[in-house]
C-alpha atoms as a PDB file:
ATOM      1  CA  MET A   1      -7.525 -22.034 -46.999  1.00  0.00           C
ATOM      2  CA  VAL A   2      -9.287 -21.507 -49.966  1.00  0.00           C
ATOM      3  CA  THR A   3      -8.852 -18.834 -52.427  1.00  0.00           C
ATOM      4  CA  PRO A   4     -11.496 -18.853 -55.317  1.00  0.00           C
ATOM      5  CA  SER A   5      -9.955 -15.470 -57.233  1.00  0.00           C
ATOM      6  CA  ALA A   6      -6.800 -17.186 -57.056  1.00  0.00           C
ATOM      7  CA  ARG A   7      -5.443 -17.488 -60.831  1.00  0.00           C
ATOM      8  CA  VAL A   8      -2.674 -20.007 -62.261  1.00  0.00           C
ATOM      9  CA  TYR A   9      -0.996 -19.786 -65.319  1.00  0.00           C
ATOM     10  CA  HIS A  10       0.773 -22.607 -67.152  1.00  0.00           C
ATOM     11  CA  PHE A  11       3.345 -22.205 -70.191  1.00  0.00           C
ATOM     12  CA  HIS A  12       4.521 -25.271 -72.018  1.00  0.00           C
ATOM     13  CA  SER A  13       8.039 -25.061 -72.641  1.00  0.00           C
ATOM     14  CA  SER A  14       9.209 -26.500 -75.934  1.00  0.00           C
ATOM     15  CA  ALA A  15      12.988 -27.314 -74.379  1.00  0.00           C
ATOM     16  CA  GLY A  16      13.358 -30.426 -73.171  1.00  0.00           C
ATOM     17  CA  ARG A  17      10.289 -32.271 -74.600  1.00  0.00           C
ATOM     18  CA  GLU A  18      10.989 -35.777 -76.466  1.00  0.00           C
ATOM     19  CA  ALA A  19       9.905 -36.449 -80.039  1.00  0.00           C
ATOM     20  CA  LEU A  20       6.575 -38.272 -80.309  1.00  0.00           C
ATOM     21  CA  PHE A  21       8.383 -41.076 -82.135  1.00  0.00           C
ATOM     22  CA  ASN A  22      10.650 -41.625 -79.045  1.00  0.00           C
ATOM     23  CA  THR A  23       7.633 -41.478 -76.507  1.00  0.00           C
ATOM     24  CA  GLY A  24       5.815 -43.799 -78.786  1.00  0.00           C
ATOM     25  CA  TYR A  25       8.681 -46.221 -79.084  1.00  0.00           C
ATOM     26  CA  LYS A  26       9.318 -45.997 -75.184  1.00  0.00           C
ATOM     27  CA  GLN A  27       5.418 -46.592 -74.425  1.00  0.00           C
ATOM     28  CA  ALA A  28       4.877 -49.448 -77.001  1.00  0.00           C
ATOM     29  CA  TYR A  29       8.178 -51.644 -75.894  1.00  0.00           C
ATOM     30  CA  ASN A  30       7.354 -51.133 -71.924  1.00  0.00           C
ATOM     31  CA  ARG A  31       3.810 -52.175 -72.575  1.00  0.00           C
ATOM     32  CA  CYS A  32       5.040 -55.419 -74.020  1.00  0.00           C
ATOM     33  CA  TRP A  33       7.817 -55.659 -71.196  1.00  0.00           C
ATOM     34  CA  ILE A  34       5.054 -55.271 -68.774  1.00  0.00           C
ATOM     35  CA  PHE A  35       2.460 -57.734 -70.735  1.00  0.00           C
ATOM     36  CA  ARG A  36       5.549 -60.617 -70.852  1.00  0.00           C
ATOM     37  CA  GLU A  37       6.380 -60.190 -66.951  1.00  0.00           C
ATOM     38  CA  HIS A  38       2.879 -59.641 -65.444  1.00  0.00           C
ATOM     39  CA  ALA A  39       0.349 -60.955 -67.502  1.00  0.00           C
ATOM     40  CA  ASP A  40      -1.237 -64.649 -68.013  1.00  0.00           C
ATOM     41  CA  LYS A  41      -0.173 -65.654 -71.156  1.00  0.00           C
ATOM     42  CA  ASN A  42      -3.366 -67.432 -72.178  1.00  0.00           C
ATOM     43  CA  LEU A  43      -4.423 -67.259 -75.911  1.00  0.00           C
ATOM     44  CA  ALA A  44      -7.616 -64.977 -74.870  1.00  0.00           C
ATOM     45  CA  ASN A  45      -5.294 -62.251 -73.181  1.00  0.00           C
ATOM     46  CA  ARG A  46      -2.566 -62.504 -76.071  1.00  0.00           C
ATOM     47  CA  ILE A  47      -5.361 -61.797 -78.525  1.00  0.00           C
ATOM     48  CA  CYS A  48      -6.481 -58.935 -76.355  1.00  0.00           C
ATOM     49  CA  PHE A  49      -3.251 -57.444 -76.059  1.00  0.00           C
ATOM     50  CA  VAL A  50      -2.165 -57.509 -79.814  1.00  0.00           C
ATOM     51  CA  TRP A  51      -5.966 -56.210 -80.536  1.00  0.00           C
ATOM     52  CA  ALA A  52      -5.319 -52.993 -77.899  1.00  0.00           C
ATOM     53  CA  MET A  53      -1.996 -52.386 -79.370  1.00  0.00           C
ATOM     54  CA  ILE A  54      -3.147 -52.204 -83.105  1.00  0.00           C
ATOM     55  CA  GLY A  55      -5.859 -50.062 -81.684  1.00  0.00           C
ATOM     56  CA  ASN A  56      -3.475 -47.833 -79.850  1.00  0.00           C
ATOM     57  CA  CYS A  57      -1.360 -47.257 -83.230  1.00  0.00           C
ATOM     58  CA  LEU A  58      -4.451 -46.920 -85.455  1.00  0.00           C
ATOM     59  CA  GLY A  59      -6.073 -44.508 -82.943  1.00  0.00           C
ATOM     60  CA  MET A  60      -2.813 -42.432 -82.805  1.00  0.00           C
ATOM     61  CA  ALA A  61      -2.437 -42.162 -86.522  1.00  0.00           C
ATOM     62  CA  GLY A  62      -6.028 -41.337 -87.035  1.00  0.00           C
ATOM     63  CA  LYS A  63      -5.456 -38.382 -84.737  1.00  0.00           C
ATOM     64  CA  GLY A  64      -2.832 -37.098 -86.731  1.00  0.00           C
ATOM     65  CA  LYS A  65       0.055 -38.522 -84.699  1.00  0.00           C
ATOM     66  CA  THR A  66       1.837 -40.465 -87.038  1.00  0.00           C
ATOM     67  CA  ALA A  67       5.439 -40.241 -85.724  1.00  0.00           C
ATOM     68  CA  PHE A  68       3.884 -41.233 -82.222  1.00  0.00           C
ATOM     69  CA  ALA A  69       1.870 -44.395 -84.256  1.00  0.00           C
ATOM     70  CA  MET A  70       5.422 -44.878 -86.017  1.00  0.00           C
ATOM     71  CA  GLY A  71       7.157 -45.037 -82.671  1.00  0.00           C
ATOM     72  CA  ASN A  72       4.708 -47.570 -81.417  1.00  0.00           C
ATOM     73  CA  VAL A  73       5.240 -49.866 -84.309  1.00  0.00           C
ATOM     74  CA  GLN A  74       8.958 -49.772 -84.041  1.00  0.00           C
ATOM     75  CA  GLY A  75       8.945 -50.187 -80.224  1.00  0.00           C
ATOM     76  CA  VAL A  76       6.783 -53.595 -80.546  1.00  0.00           C
ATOM     77  CA  PHE A  77       9.461 -54.828 -83.294  1.00  0.00           C
ATOM     78  CA  SER A  78      12.189 -53.891 -81.601  1.00  0.00           C
ATOM     79  CA  TYR A  79      10.841 -55.580 -78.179  1.00  0.00           C
ATOM     80  CA  ILE A  80      10.116 -58.616 -80.111  1.00  0.00           C
ATOM     81  CA  ARG A  81      13.742 -58.787 -81.986  1.00  0.00           C
ATOM     82  CA  LYS A  82      15.557 -57.990 -78.586  1.00  0.00           C
ATOM     83  CA  GLU A  83      13.390 -59.921 -75.847  1.00  0.00           C
ATOM     84  CA  VAL A  84      11.644 -62.709 -77.651  1.00  0.00           C
ATOM     85  CA  LEU A  85      13.956 -63.569 -80.342  1.00  0.00           C
ATOM     86  CA  ALA A  86      17.517 -62.246 -78.467  1.00  0.00           C
ATOM     87  CA  VAL A  87      18.726 -60.965 -81.533  1.00  0.00           C
ATOM     88  CA  GLY A  88      21.201 -58.152 -81.334  1.00  0.00           C
END
């Protein structure tokens, strides 16, 4: 059934929203994990992955989402420290 005259309203709630820093952190950490688990580890793929991560951080910072970009940077460094270097 189609009702062309129907109207839908969506109101965003501020309650329960995660901080942009935390969202950026988790996004970058998970991207690193997915790359390590599922991608071919040749030089070209590694360069493309690093380039994409840098572009994502700069793009978010350029849009004024500096907390998100800083979360991305922290997520990458945290992943390297915990999973690659096995520290902490």
